[in-house]
C-alpha atoms as a PDB file:
ATOM      1  CA  UNK A   1       1.970   6.641   2.897  1.00  0.00           C
ATOM      2  CA  UNK A   2      -1.618   7.612   3.378  1.00  0.00           C
ATOM      3  CA  UNK A   3      -4.446   6.303   5.255  1.00  0.00           C
ATOM      4  CA  UNK A   4      -7.297   6.522   2.719  1.00  0.00           C
ATOM      5  CA  UNK A   5      -8.831   3.504   1.735  1.00  0.00           C
ATOM      6  CA  UNK A   6     -11.388   2.418  -0.845  1.00  0.00           C
ATOM      7  CA  UNK A   7     -14.985   3.735   0.436  1.00  0.00           C
ATOM      8  CA  UNK A   8     -13.566   6.442   2.342  1.00  0.00           C
ATOM      9  CA  UNK A   9     -15.671   9.882   1.852  1.00  0.00           C
ATOM     10  CA  UNK A  10     -13.550  12.687   0.804  1.00  0.00           C
ATOM     11  CA  UNK A  11     -13.897  16.070  -0.731  1.00  0.00           C
ATOM     12  CA  UNK A  12     -11.486  17.909  -3.117  1.00  0.00           C
ATOM     13  CA  UNK A  13      -9.148  20.741  -1.885  1.00  0.00           C
ATOM     14  CA  UNK A  14      -9.219  22.504  -4.829  1.00  0.00           C
ATOM     15  CA  UNK A  15     -10.538  22.489  -8.344  1.00  0.00           C
ATOM     16  CA  UNK A  16      -9.698  19.189 -10.153  1.00  0.00           C
ATOM     17  CA  UNK A  17      -9.823  17.570 -13.544  1.00  0.00           C
ATOM     18  CA  UNK A  18     -10.486  18.866 -16.961  1.00  0.00           C
ATOM     19  CA  UNK A  19      -8.438  20.927 -19.024  1.00  0.00           C
ATOM     20  CA  UNK A  20      -8.411  23.862 -16.660  1.00  0.00           C
ATOM     21  CA  UNK A  21      -9.035  22.051 -13.310  1.00  0.00           C
ATOM     22  CA  UNK A  22     -12.625  22.932 -13.365  1.00  0.00           C
ATOM     23  CA  UNK A  23     -14.546  19.650 -13.735  1.00  0.00           C
ATOM     24  CA  UNK A  24     -14.519  19.041 -10.032  1.00  0.00           C
ATOM     25  CA  UNK A  25     -15.131  22.370  -8.087  1.00  0.00           C
ATOM     26  CA  UNK A  26     -13.513  22.851  -4.710  1.00  0.00           C
ATOM     27  CA  UNK A  27     -15.315  21.346  -2.030  1.00  0.00           C
ATOM     28  CA  UNK A  28     -16.888  18.836  -3.857  1.00  0.00           C
ATOM     29  CA  UNK A  29     -17.585  15.432  -1.952  1.00  0.00           C
ATOM     30  CA  UNK A  30     -16.980  11.958  -3.355  1.00  0.00           C
ATOM     31  CA  UNK A  31     -16.075   8.404  -2.436  1.00  0.00           C
ATOM     32  CA  UNK A  32     -12.671   6.566  -3.169  1.00  0.00           C
ATOM     33  CA  UNK A  33     -13.113   3.741  -5.303  1.00  0.00           C
ATOM     34  CA  UNK A  34      -9.442   2.738  -5.871  1.00  0.00           C
ATOM     35  CA  UNK A  35      -6.118   3.652  -4.701  1.00  0.00           C
ATOM     36  CA  UNK A  36      -2.558   3.153  -6.146  1.00  0.00           C
ATOM     37  CA  UNK A  37       1.069   4.176  -5.436  1.00  0.00           C
ATOM     38  CA  UNK A  38       3.223   5.937  -8.104  1.00  0.00           C
ATOM     39  CA  UNK A  39       6.809   6.260  -7.997  1.00  0.00           C
ATOM     40  CA  UNK A  40       6.914   9.719  -5.824  1.00  0.00           C
ATOM     41  CA  UNK A  41       3.030  10.169  -5.259  1.00  0.00           C
ATOM     42  CA  UNK A  42      -0.158   8.200  -4.185  1.00  0.00           C
ATOM     43  CA  UNK A  43      -3.288   8.447  -6.121  1.00  0.00           C
ATOM     44  CA  UNK A  44      -6.872   7.760  -5.492  1.00  0.00           C
ATOM     45  CA  UNK A  45      -9.600   7.462  -8.093  1.00  0.00           C
ATOM     46  CA  UNK A  46     -12.471   9.113  -6.721  1.00  0.00           C
ATOM     47  CA  UNK A  47     -16.316   9.184  -7.704  1.00  0.00           C
ATOM     48  CA  UNK A  48     -17.728  12.820  -7.127  1.00  0.00           C
ATOM     49  CA  UNK A  49     -20.914  13.858  -6.302  1.00  0.00           C
ATOM     50  CA  UNK A  50     -21.204  15.967  -9.578  1.00  0.00           C
ATOM     51  CA  UNK A  51     -20.961  12.552 -11.713  1.00  0.00           C
ATOM     52  CA  UNK A  52     -17.295  12.901 -12.409  1.00  0.00           C
ATOM     53  CA  UNK A  53     -14.864  10.114 -11.559  1.00  0.00           C
ATOM     54  CA  UNK A  54     -10.988  11.349 -11.446  1.00  0.00           C
ATOM     55  CA  UNK A  55      -7.746  10.125 -10.682  1.00  0.00           C
ATOM     56  CA  UNK A  56      -6.309  12.529  -8.120  1.00  0.00           C
ATOM     57  CA  UNK A  57      -2.977  12.784  -5.714  1.00  0.00           C
ATOM     58  CA  UNK A  58      -4.260  12.000  -1.978  1.00  0.00           C
ATOM     59  CA  UNK A  59      -2.733  15.707  -1.316  1.00  0.00           C
ATOM     60  CA  UNK A  60      -5.428  17.132  -3.290  1.00  0.00           C
ATOM     61  CA  UNK A  61      -8.140  15.163  -0.942  1.00  0.00           C
ATOM     62  CA  UNK A  62      -9.894  15.936   2.492  1.00  0.00           C
ATOM     63  CA  UNK A  63     -10.853  13.186   4.390  1.00  0.00           C
ATOM     64  CA  UNK A  64     -14.665  13.626   5.533  1.00  0.00           C
ATOM     65  CA  UNK A  65     -15.509  12.547   9.099  1.00  0.00           C
ATOM     66  CA  UNK A  66     -19.044  12.779  10.681  1.00  0.00           C
ATOM     67  CA  UNK A  67     -22.433  11.227   9.883  1.00  0.00           C
ATOM     68  CA  UNK A  68     -23.059  10.090   6.218  1.00  0.00           C
END
């Protein structure tokens, strides 16, 4: 179980989304807008700063800390 919650600031650990995983480049910042638990994985819906909103596995994200 993860400690990521709605409103947390995150960034992508690698390229995400799209047909070839290139809709969200690696390191793109975003904000979690929803979370859900699957059978084997946990997922978050993230609104990224490039305008894309994607549902991704929590292990594909890095929590951002500091001043926002």
